[in-house]
């Protein structure tokens, strides 16, 4: 190994040491106090979105848009709970 290679390896060593290991990172799926509520909101959102598609295609465009807006509002509430980690 040349002197240049040693210096380069030493310069990159702190970058590796700063990298956190996978087990030290925050888990992707949290089980916070609002977990069950968020799951219910997600389920209602999915049902509302599918119902919005069916109603839009089969019956009334306006009613389908209202269903989409309602489902989107529920998804926004769920997203807010997740991001705020309530």
N, C-alpha and C. Protein backbone atom coordinates (compact mmCIF):
# COMPACT_ATOMS: atom_id res chain seq x y z
N UNK A 1 0.84 -1.17 0.00
CA UNK A 1 0.00 0.00 0.00
C UNK A 1 0.89 1.24 0.00
N UNK A 2 0.57 2.17 -0.85
CA UNK A 2 1.36 3.39 -0.90
C UNK A 2 0.89 4.36 0.17
N UNK A 3 1.65 5.43 0.36
CA UNK A 3 1.29 6.44 1.34
C UNK A 3 -0.04 7.11 0.97
N UNK A 4 -0.25 7.30 -0.34
CA UNK A 4 -1.49 7.91 -0.80
C UNK A 4 -2.70 7.04 -0.44
N UNK A 5 -2.59 5.73 -0.63
CA UNK A 5 -3.68 4.82 -0.31
C UNK A 5 -3.98 4.82 1.19
N UNK A 6 -2.92 4.88 2.01
CA UNK A 6 -3.12 4.89 3.47
C UNK A 6 -3.84 6.16 3.90
N UNK A 7 -3.42 7.30 3.34
CA UNK A 7 -4.06 8.56 3.70
C UNK A 7 -5.52 8.58 3.25
N UNK A 8 -5.78 8.04 2.08
CA UNK A 8 -7.15 8.00 1.58
C UNK A 8 -8.01 7.10 2.46
N UNK A 9 -7.47 5.96 2.87
CA UNK A 9 -8.22 5.05 3.74
C UNK A 9 -8.49 5.69 5.09
N UNK A 10 -7.51 6.42 5.63
CA UNK A 10 -7.72 7.10 6.91
C UNK A 10 -8.73 8.22 6.78
N UNK A 11 -8.74 8.90 5.64
CA UNK A 11 -9.68 10.00 5.44
C UNK A 11 -11.11 9.49 5.34
N UNK A 12 -11.31 8.30 4.80
CA UNK A 12 -12.65 7.75 4.65
C UNK A 12 -13.12 6.98 5.87
N UNK A 13 -12.24 6.68 6.78
CA UNK A 13 -12.61 5.93 7.98
C UNK A 13 -13.66 6.65 8.81
N UNK A 14 -13.55 7.96 9.04
CA UNK A 14 -14.58 8.62 9.83
C UNK A 14 -15.97 8.55 9.18
N UNK A 15 -16.05 8.55 7.85
CA UNK A 15 -17.34 8.44 7.19
C UNK A 15 -17.99 7.11 7.51
N UNK A 16 -17.20 6.05 7.53
CA UNK A 16 -17.74 4.74 7.85
C UNK A 16 -18.18 4.69 9.32
N UNK A 17 -17.41 5.31 10.18
CA UNK A 17 -17.75 5.29 11.60
C UNK A 17 -19.02 6.08 11.89
N UNK A 18 -19.30 7.11 11.08
CA UNK A 18 -20.50 7.90 11.28
C UNK A 18 -21.76 7.18 10.79
N UNK A 19 -21.58 6.22 9.90
CA UNK A 19 -22.72 5.47 9.37
C UNK A 19 -23.32 4.62 10.47
N UNK A 20 -24.60 4.75 10.67
CA UNK A 20 -25.27 3.97 11.72
C UNK A 20 -25.61 2.59 11.19
N UNK A 21 -25.52 1.64 12.05
CA UNK A 21 -25.88 0.28 11.68
C UNK A 21 -27.40 0.15 11.62
N UNK A 22 -27.87 -0.83 10.90
CA UNK A 22 -29.30 -1.01 10.68
C UNK A 22 -30.07 -1.16 11.99
N UNK A 23 -29.51 -1.87 12.96
CA UNK A 23 -30.22 -2.11 14.20
C UNK A 23 -30.30 -0.85 15.06
N UNK A 24 -29.49 0.17 14.78
CA UNK A 24 -29.53 1.41 15.54
C UNK A 24 -30.55 2.40 14.97
N UNK A 25 -31.02 2.15 13.76
CA UNK A 25 -31.96 3.05 13.13
C UNK A 25 -33.36 2.84 13.71
N UNK A 26 -34.18 3.87 13.58
CA UNK A 26 -35.55 3.76 14.06
C UNK A 26 -36.31 2.77 13.19
N UNK A 27 -37.08 1.90 13.80
CA UNK A 27 -37.82 0.92 13.00
C UNK A 27 -38.80 1.59 12.05
N UNK A 28 -38.99 0.98 10.89
CA UNK A 28 -39.88 1.54 9.89
C UNK A 28 -41.32 1.46 10.36
N UNK A 29 -41.70 0.34 10.92
CA UNK A 29 -43.07 0.17 11.42
C UNK A 29 -43.10 0.43 12.92
N UNK A 30 -43.71 1.55 13.29
CA UNK A 30 -43.80 1.86 14.71
C UNK A 30 -45.11 1.32 15.26
N UNK A 31 -45.11 1.02 16.52
CA UNK A 31 -46.30 0.51 17.19
C UNK A 31 -46.75 1.53 18.23
N UNK A 32 -46.83 2.80 17.83
CA UNK A 32 -47.20 3.87 18.75
C UNK A 32 -48.64 3.75 19.22
N UNK A 33 -49.06 4.71 20.04
CA UNK A 33 -50.41 4.65 20.60
C UNK A 33 -51.52 4.84 19.56
N UNK A 34 -51.21 5.41 18.41
CA UNK A 34 -52.24 5.63 17.39
C UNK A 34 -52.18 4.59 16.28
N UNK A 35 -51.45 3.51 16.48
CA UNK A 35 -51.27 2.52 15.43
C UNK A 35 -52.60 1.92 14.99
N UNK A 36 -53.45 1.53 15.93
CA UNK A 36 -54.73 0.90 15.60
C UNK A 36 -55.64 1.91 14.90
N UNK A 37 -55.67 3.14 15.38
CA UNK A 37 -56.48 4.17 14.74
C UNK A 37 -56.01 4.42 13.31
N UNK A 38 -54.71 4.47 13.10
CA UNK A 38 -54.17 4.68 11.76
C UNK A 38 -54.52 3.53 10.83
N UNK A 39 -54.51 2.32 11.34
CA UNK A 39 -54.87 1.17 10.51
C UNK A 39 -56.34 1.24 10.11
N UNK A 40 -57.21 1.64 11.02
CA UNK A 40 -58.62 1.80 10.70
C UNK A 40 -58.82 2.90 9.66
N UNK A 41 -58.12 4.02 9.84
CA UNK A 41 -58.23 5.11 8.87
C UNK A 41 -57.75 4.67 7.48
N UNK A 42 -56.68 3.88 7.43
CA UNK A 42 -56.19 3.36 6.15
C UNK A 42 -57.21 2.44 5.50
N UNK A 43 -57.83 1.58 6.29
CA UNK A 43 -58.84 0.67 5.76
C UNK A 43 -60.04 1.42 5.20
N UNK A 44 -60.51 2.42 5.95
CA UNK A 44 -61.65 3.22 5.48
C UNK A 44 -61.26 4.00 4.23
N UNK A 45 -60.02 4.49 4.18
CA UNK A 45 -59.55 5.19 2.98
C UNK A 45 -59.58 4.27 1.77
N UNK A 46 -59.10 3.05 1.91
CA UNK A 46 -59.09 2.12 0.78
C UNK A 46 -60.50 1.80 0.30
N UNK A 47 -61.39 1.54 1.24
CA UNK A 47 -62.78 1.25 0.87
C UNK A 47 -63.41 2.47 0.19
N UNK A 48 -63.15 3.66 0.72
CA UNK A 48 -63.69 4.88 0.12
C UNK A 48 -63.15 5.14 -1.27
N UNK A 49 -61.86 4.86 -1.48
CA UNK A 49 -61.28 5.07 -2.80
C UNK A 49 -61.88 4.11 -3.83
N UNK A 50 -62.02 2.84 -3.45
CA UNK A 50 -62.62 1.87 -4.37
C UNK A 50 -64.09 2.22 -4.63
N UNK A 51 -64.81 2.62 -3.59
CA UNK A 51 -66.20 3.02 -3.78
C UNK A 51 -66.29 4.26 -4.67
N UNK A 52 -65.35 5.17 -4.54
CA UNK A 52 -65.33 6.35 -5.39
C UNK A 52 -65.14 5.99 -6.86
N UNK A 53 -64.27 5.02 -7.12
CA UNK A 53 -64.05 4.57 -8.50
C UNK A 53 -65.32 3.94 -9.06
N UNK A 54 -65.93 3.06 -8.26
CA UNK A 54 -67.14 2.37 -8.73
C UNK A 54 -68.27 3.36 -8.98
N UNK A 55 -68.48 4.28 -8.05
CA UNK A 55 -69.57 5.24 -8.18
C UNK A 55 -69.31 6.17 -9.36
N UNK A 56 -68.05 6.59 -9.54
CA UNK A 56 -67.72 7.48 -10.66
C UNK A 56 -67.99 6.80 -12.00
N UNK A 57 -67.60 5.55 -12.11
CA UNK A 57 -67.76 4.84 -13.38
C UNK A 57 -69.19 4.38 -13.63
N UNK A 58 -69.91 4.01 -12.56
CA UNK A 58 -71.22 3.41 -12.76
C UNK A 58 -72.38 4.39 -12.60
N UNK A 59 -72.25 5.36 -11.71
CA UNK A 59 -73.42 6.18 -11.39
C UNK A 59 -73.18 7.66 -11.66
N UNK A 60 -72.64 8.34 -10.70
CA UNK A 60 -72.56 9.80 -10.77
C UNK A 60 -71.13 10.28 -10.59
N UNK A 61 -70.69 11.13 -11.49
CA UNK A 61 -69.33 11.66 -11.40
C UNK A 61 -69.18 12.54 -10.16
N UNK A 62 -70.17 13.36 -9.87
CA UNK A 62 -70.09 14.25 -8.72
C UNK A 62 -70.01 13.47 -7.39
N UNK A 63 -70.84 12.46 -7.26
CA UNK A 63 -70.81 11.67 -6.03
C UNK A 63 -69.48 10.95 -5.87
N UNK A 64 -68.92 10.47 -6.97
CA UNK A 64 -67.62 9.82 -6.92
C UNK A 64 -66.53 10.78 -6.47
N UNK A 65 -66.59 12.03 -6.95
CA UNK A 65 -65.60 13.03 -6.53
C UNK A 65 -65.73 13.31 -5.04
N UNK A 66 -66.96 13.39 -4.53
CA UNK A 66 -67.16 13.61 -3.10
C UNK A 66 -66.59 12.45 -2.28
N UNK A 67 -66.77 11.23 -2.77
CA UNK A 67 -66.19 10.08 -2.07
C UNK A 67 -64.67 10.14 -2.07
N UNK A 68 -64.09 10.52 -3.21
CA UNK A 68 -62.63 10.66 -3.29
C UNK A 68 -62.13 11.73 -2.32
N UNK A 69 -62.83 12.85 -2.26
CA UNK A 69 -62.42 13.93 -1.35
C UNK A 69 -62.51 13.49 0.11
N UNK A 70 -63.56 12.77 0.45
CA UNK A 70 -63.69 12.26 1.82
C UNK A 70 -62.60 11.26 2.16
N UNK A 71 -62.31 10.36 1.22
CA UNK A 71 -61.25 9.38 1.45
C UNK A 71 -59.90 10.09 1.55
N UNK A 72 -59.69 11.11 0.73
CA UNK A 72 -58.44 11.86 0.79
C UNK A 72 -58.27 12.59 2.12
N UNK A 73 -59.37 13.11 2.66
CA UNK A 73 -59.31 13.77 3.96
C UNK A 73 -58.91 12.79 5.06
N UNK A 74 -59.47 11.58 5.00
CA UNK A 74 -59.09 10.56 5.99
C UNK A 74 -57.61 10.18 5.85
N UNK A 75 -57.14 10.09 4.63
CA UNK A 75 -55.73 9.76 4.41
C UNK A 75 -54.84 10.89 4.94
N UNK A 76 -55.26 12.13 4.76
CA UNK A 76 -54.49 13.26 5.27
C UNK A 76 -54.41 13.22 6.79
N UNK A 77 -55.51 12.87 7.45
CA UNK A 77 -55.52 12.75 8.92
C UNK A 77 -54.55 11.65 9.35
N UNK A 78 -54.59 10.51 8.66
CA UNK A 78 -53.70 9.40 9.00
C UNK A 78 -52.25 9.81 8.80
N UNK A 79 -51.97 10.48 7.70
CA UNK A 79 -50.62 10.94 7.42
C UNK A 79 -50.13 11.91 8.49
N UNK A 80 -51.00 12.81 8.92
CA UNK A 80 -50.63 13.77 9.97
C UNK A 80 -50.30 13.05 11.27
N UNK A 81 -51.10 12.05 11.63
CA UNK A 81 -50.81 11.29 12.85
C UNK A 81 -49.46 10.57 12.74
N UNK A 82 -49.17 10.04 11.56
CA UNK A 82 -47.92 9.33 11.37
C UNK A 82 -46.72 10.27 11.42
N UNK A 83 -46.82 11.40 10.74
CA UNK A 83 -45.70 12.34 10.68
C UNK A 83 -45.45 13.02 12.02
N UNK A 84 -46.52 13.33 12.74
CA UNK A 84 -46.36 13.97 14.05
C UNK A 84 -46.02 12.96 15.13
N UNK A 85 -46.10 11.70 14.81
CA UNK A 85 -45.81 10.58 15.74
C UNK A 85 -46.62 10.71 17.03
N UNK A 86 -47.91 10.97 16.83
CA UNK A 86 -48.82 11.05 17.98
C UNK A 86 -49.24 9.69 18.43
